[in-house]
Amino acid sequence: MSHTSKEPPSQYAAGDLPSNPPEGTVAYDKTNQKMVAFKNSSWGDFGGSGGVGSTTYVRDNVAGVIDQIQGDIPADWKQNDSSLRGLVIGASCTSIGNYAFQSCTGLTGSLVIPDSVTTIGVYAFWSCTGLTGSLVIPDSVTRIETGAFRLCTSITAVYTNTPAASWVGTVALLETNSLTTMYVNGVTALGYTSGAQTFQGKSLTIAEWTNYPNTP
């Protein structure tokens, strides 16, 4: 595992961004004054979309400042770092350690766990209150530990095709105040029960993910 601390990415005017860099390249768009990432063969906003290239990047609130890591995300990596604004989880990551992003309240956008990840540790995203929109968990994930997403108060929906048995801990979704629905790609087949219920500490409705793999 390699780790480069706050290494500034290359900076370009919007019209000068490279046309075909390696997937997962991160740059700073000077024209629009924002971080961008090359994903799915085009440049897009650097945010909580996940699954871009092999390297995991986090963006600070200072323009053009990032931190990066290759391989698994260790326990406590960014714990209590409220300066973080963006997260892209790379395909070299197979596990997200305990408390890795606990109380990173400045992280924004939806959170997509890439299909390289198999384990999400205890309280890994606890109290990431700025994450909004959806949380997407692929079937590669076989262990979701206690409190993994507890107090992610602004996440509104969970989309998953990982079995119910993968939630090996407890209260992973407790106090996710805005969450109303979990969409599952194969509710019965994956061991879930349809309808309104309490799941992982949260009262919500479990429904079929009818437009898999797309999310609204």
Protein backbone atom coordinates (compact mmCIF):
# COMPACT_ATOMS: atom_id res chain seq x y z
CA MET A 1 0.00 0.00 0.00
CA SER A 2 1.41 3.39 -0.98
CA HIS A 3 0.32 6.74 0.33
CA THR A 4 1.20 10.21 -0.97
CA SER A 5 0.16 13.06 1.30
CA LYS A 6 -1.65 16.03 -0.23
CA GLU A 7 0.02 15.83 -3.63
CA PRO A 8 -1.37 18.55 -5.93
CA PRO A 9 -2.74 17.19 -9.22
CA SER A 10 -1.98 18.68 -12.62
CA GLN A 11 -3.88 21.86 -13.41
CA TYR A 12 -5.47 22.69 -16.78
CA ALA A 13 -7.88 25.14 -18.33
CA ALA A 14 -11.14 23.31 -19.09
CA GLY A 15 -10.40 23.23 -22.82
CA ASP A 16 -6.91 21.82 -22.28
CA LEU A 17 -7.79 18.74 -20.23
CA PRO A 18 -6.11 15.65 -21.77
CA SER A 19 -8.37 13.84 -24.22
CA ASN A 20 -7.50 10.26 -23.26
CA PRO A 21 -5.67 9.95 -19.93
CA PRO A 22 -5.67 6.74 -17.87
CA GLU A 23 -9.03 5.95 -16.26
CA GLY A 24 -9.04 7.43 -12.76
CA THR A 25 -6.81 10.43 -13.55
CA VAL A 26 -7.57 13.39 -11.28
CA ALA A 27 -6.93 16.99 -12.31
CA TYR A 28 -7.80 20.53 -11.31
CA ASP A 29 -10.01 22.45 -13.76
CA LYS A 30 -8.72 26.04 -13.48
CA THR A 31 -11.51 27.46 -15.63
CA ASN A 32 -14.30 26.18 -13.39
CA GLN A 33 -12.12 26.07 -10.25
CA LYS A 34 -12.94 22.49 -9.27
CA MET A 35 -11.47 19.01 -9.11
CA VAL A 36 -12.39 16.64 -11.93
CA ALA A 37 -11.77 12.93 -12.53
CA PHE A 38 -11.53 10.98 -15.77
CA LYS A 39 -14.09 8.19 -15.41
CA ASN A 40 -16.03 6.14 -17.92
CA SER A 41 -13.94 7.73 -20.71
CA SER A 42 -14.87 11.34 -19.95
CA TRP A 43 -14.11 14.12 -17.47
CA GLY A 44 -16.62 14.63 -14.67
CA ASP A 45 -16.93 16.15 -11.23
CA PHE A 46 -14.69 14.71 -8.56
CA GLY A 47 -17.17 13.63 -5.90
CA GLY A 48 -18.50 10.65 -4.05
CA SER A 49 -19.07 8.51 -7.12
CA GLY A 50 -16.47 5.82 -6.39
CA GLY A 51 -14.95 3.13 -8.56
CA VAL A 52 -12.59 5.26 -10.65
CA GLY A 53 -9.25 3.72 -11.57
CA SER A 54 -7.10 1.93 -9.00
CA THR A 55 -6.25 4.80 -6.65
CA THR A 56 -8.45 6.19 -3.87
CA TYR A 57 -8.52 10.00 -3.68
CA VAL A 58 -9.93 12.44 -1.17
CA ARG A 59 -10.22 16.17 -1.88
CA ASP A 60 -9.65 18.85 0.75
CA ASN A 61 -11.52 22.14 0.86
CA VAL A 62 -8.43 23.91 -0.51
CA ALA A 63 -8.55 24.13 -4.30
CA GLY A 64 -6.29 21.59 -5.96
CA VAL A 65 -5.26 19.74 -2.78
CA ILE A 66 -5.79 15.99 -2.60
CA ASP A 67 -4.62 12.99 -0.64
CA GLN A 68 -4.37 9.56 -2.18
CA ILE A 69 -3.81 5.95 -1.27
CA GLN A 70 -3.21 2.77 -3.25
CA GLY A 71 -4.74 -0.45 -1.97
CA ASP A 72 -6.95 -0.96 1.07
CA ILE A 73 -8.13 1.98 3.17
CA PRO A 74 -6.72 1.54 6.70
CA ALA A 75 -8.55 2.01 9.98
CA ASP A 76 -8.84 5.63 11.16
CA TRP A 77 -7.38 6.93 7.86
CA LYS A 78 -9.33 10.21 7.75
CA GLN A 79 -11.16 10.00 11.06
CA ASN A 80 -12.60 13.37 12.18
CA ASP A 81 -11.18 15.24 9.16
CA SER A 82 -13.93 17.76 8.46
CA SER A 83 -11.90 19.42 5.68
CA LEU A 84 -12.60 16.62 3.19
CA ARG A 85 -15.03 17.51 0.40
CA GLY A 86 -14.78 14.66 -2.13
CA LEU A 87 -14.09 10.93 -2.13
CA VAL A 88 -13.35 8.58 -5.02
CA ILE A 89 -12.71 4.96 -3.97
CA GLY A 90 -10.34 3.18 -6.33
CA ALA A 91 -10.51 -0.36 -7.64
CA SER A 92 -7.35 -1.38 -5.74
CA CYS A 93 -9.36 -1.09 -2.51
CA THR A 94 -10.80 -4.35 -1.17
CA SER A 95 -11.53 -3.21 2.39
CA ILE A 96 -12.49 0.02 4.13
CA GLY A 97 -11.10 -0.01 7.65
CA ASN A 98 -12.81 0.66 10.97
CA TYR A 99 -13.57 4.36 11.54
CA ALA A 100 -11.82 5.22 8.24
CA PHE A 101 -14.06 8.20 7.50
CA GLN A 102 -15.79 8.67 10.86
CA SER A 103 -17.14 12.23 11.27
CA CYS A 104 -15.87 13.43 7.88
CA THR A 105 -18.81 15.78 7.89
CA GLY A 106 -17.69 17.75 4.82
CA LEU A 107 -17.91 14.82 2.39
CA THR A 108 -20.71 15.53 -0.06
CA GLY A 109 -22.70 13.73 -2.76
CA SER A 110 -23.82 10.15 -3.12
CA LEU A 111 -21.58 7.26 -2.08
CA VAL A 112 -20.94 4.36 -4.47
CA ILE A 113 -18.86 1.48 -3.13
CA PRO A 114 -16.92 -0.04 -6.07
CA ASP A 115 -17.20 -3.76 -6.79
CA SER A 116 -13.61 -4.37 -5.66
CA VAL A 117 -14.60 -3.83 -2.02
CA THR A 118 -15.49 -6.86 0.10
CA THR A 119 -15.47 -5.43 3.65
CA ILE A 120 -16.77 -2.20 5.18
CA GLY A 121 -15.46 -1.82 8.71
CA VAL A 122 -16.97 -0.85 12.04
CA TYR A 123 -18.30 2.74 11.95
CA ALA A 124 -16.40 3.31 8.68
CA PHE A 125 -18.66 6.21 7.61
CA TRP A 126 -20.20 7.01 10.98
CA SER A 127 -21.56 10.56 11.15
CA CYS A 128 -20.71 11.53 7.56
CA THR A 129 -23.62 13.92 7.73
CA GLY A 130 -22.83 15.73 4.46
CA LEU A 131 -23.28 12.66 2.24
CA THR A 132 -26.53 13.21 0.34
CA GLY A 133 -28.54 11.20 -2.13
CA SER A 134 -27.93 7.49 -2.51
CA LEU A 135 -25.67 4.81 -1.09
CA VAL A 136 -24.85 1.99 -3.53
CA ILE A 137 -23.40 -1.32 -2.25
CA PRO A 138 -22.41 -4.02 -4.79
CA ASP A 139 -22.58 -7.80 -4.39
CA SER A 140 -18.81 -7.97 -3.90
CA VAL A 141 -19.33 -6.75 -0.33
CA THR A 142 -19.56 -9.72 2.03
CA ARG A 143 -19.14 -7.95 5.40
CA ILE A 144 -20.78 -4.73 6.54
CA GLU A 145 -19.81 -4.22 10.16
CA THR A 146 -21.58 -2.55 13.08
CA GLY A 147 -22.51 1.10 12.61
CA ALA A 148 -20.90 1.36 9.18
CA PHE A 149 -23.25 4.14 8.01
CA ARG A 150 -24.73 5.21 11.33
CA LEU A 151 -25.65 8.90 11.54
CA CYS A 152 -25.29 9.48 7.81
CA THR A 153 -28.29 11.68 8.29
CA SER A 154 -28.70 12.95 4.71
CA ILE A 155 -28.59 9.69 2.71
CA THR A 156 -32.07 9.19 1.22
CA ALA A 157 -31.89 5.71 -0.35
CA VAL A 158 -29.78 2.54 -0.30
CA TYR A 159 -29.31 0.43 -3.43
CA THR A 160 -27.75 -3.00 -3.02
CA ASN A 161 -27.37 -6.43 -4.54
CA THR A 162 -25.40 -7.86 -1.64
CA PRO A 163 -27.11 -10.56 0.47
CA ALA A 164 -28.83 -9.72 3.74
CA ALA A 165 -26.30 -12.00 5.46
CA SER A 166 -23.52 -9.57 4.51
CA TRP A 167 -24.75 -7.20 7.19
CA VAL A 168 -22.82 -9.07 9.86
CA GLY A 169 -22.82 -6.29 12.44
CA THR A 170 -25.68 -4.27 13.92
CA VAL A 171 -27.16 -0.77 13.67
CA ALA A 172 -25.32 -0.03 10.42
CA LEU A 173 -28.16 2.30 9.38
CA LEU A 174 -29.21 3.66 12.77
CA GLU A 175 -30.01 7.40 12.82
CA THR A 176 -29.93 7.76 9.03
CA ASN A 177 -32.72 10.27 9.41
CA SER A 178 -33.45 10.95 5.72
CA LEU A 179 -33.37 7.30 4.64
CA THR A 180 -36.77 5.91 3.68
CA THR A 181 -36.17 3.03 1.26
CA MET A 182 -33.68 0.26 0.55
CA TYR A 183 -33.79 -1.07 -3.02
CA VAL A 184 -32.55 -4.65 -3.44
CA ASN A 185 -31.79 -6.45 -6.69
CA GLY A 186 -33.64 -9.66 -5.81
CA VAL A 187 -35.28 -9.13 -2.44
CA THR A 188 -36.29 -12.73 -1.65
CA ALA A 189 -33.34 -14.38 -3.38
CA LEU A 190 -30.89 -12.34 -1.31
CA GLY A 191 -32.61 -13.09 1.98
CA TYR A 192 -34.46 -9.83 2.58
CA THR A 193 -38.15 -9.32 3.37
CA SER A 194 -40.21 -6.87 1.33
CA GLY A 195 -42.13 -4.01 2.90
CA ALA A 196 -41.93 -1.71 5.90
CA GLN A 197 -39.69 -2.95 8.72
CA THR A 198 -36.76 -2.18 10.98
CA PHE A 199 -33.49 -3.14 9.35
CA GLN A 200 -30.05 -2.51 10.86
CA GLY A 201 -31.58 -0.14 13.40
CA LYS A 202 -33.59 1.89 10.88
CA SER A 203 -37.32 1.90 10.11
CA LEU A 204 -37.54 1.76 6.33
CA THR A 205 -39.18 0.02 3.38
CA ILE A 206 -37.34 -2.69 1.45
CA ALA A 207 -38.41 -2.83 -2.21
CA GLU A 208 -37.28 -4.43 -5.45
CA TRP A 209 -34.55 -2.55 -7.38
CA THR A 210 -36.54 -2.63 -10.61
CA ASN A 211 -34.19 -0.56 -12.78
CA TYR A 212 -30.96 -2.27 -11.71
CA PRO A 213 -28.15 -1.28 -12.19
CA ASN A 214 -29.41 2.27 -12.67
CA THR A 215 -30.32 4.58 -9.82
CA PRO A 216 -32.61 7.62 -10.13
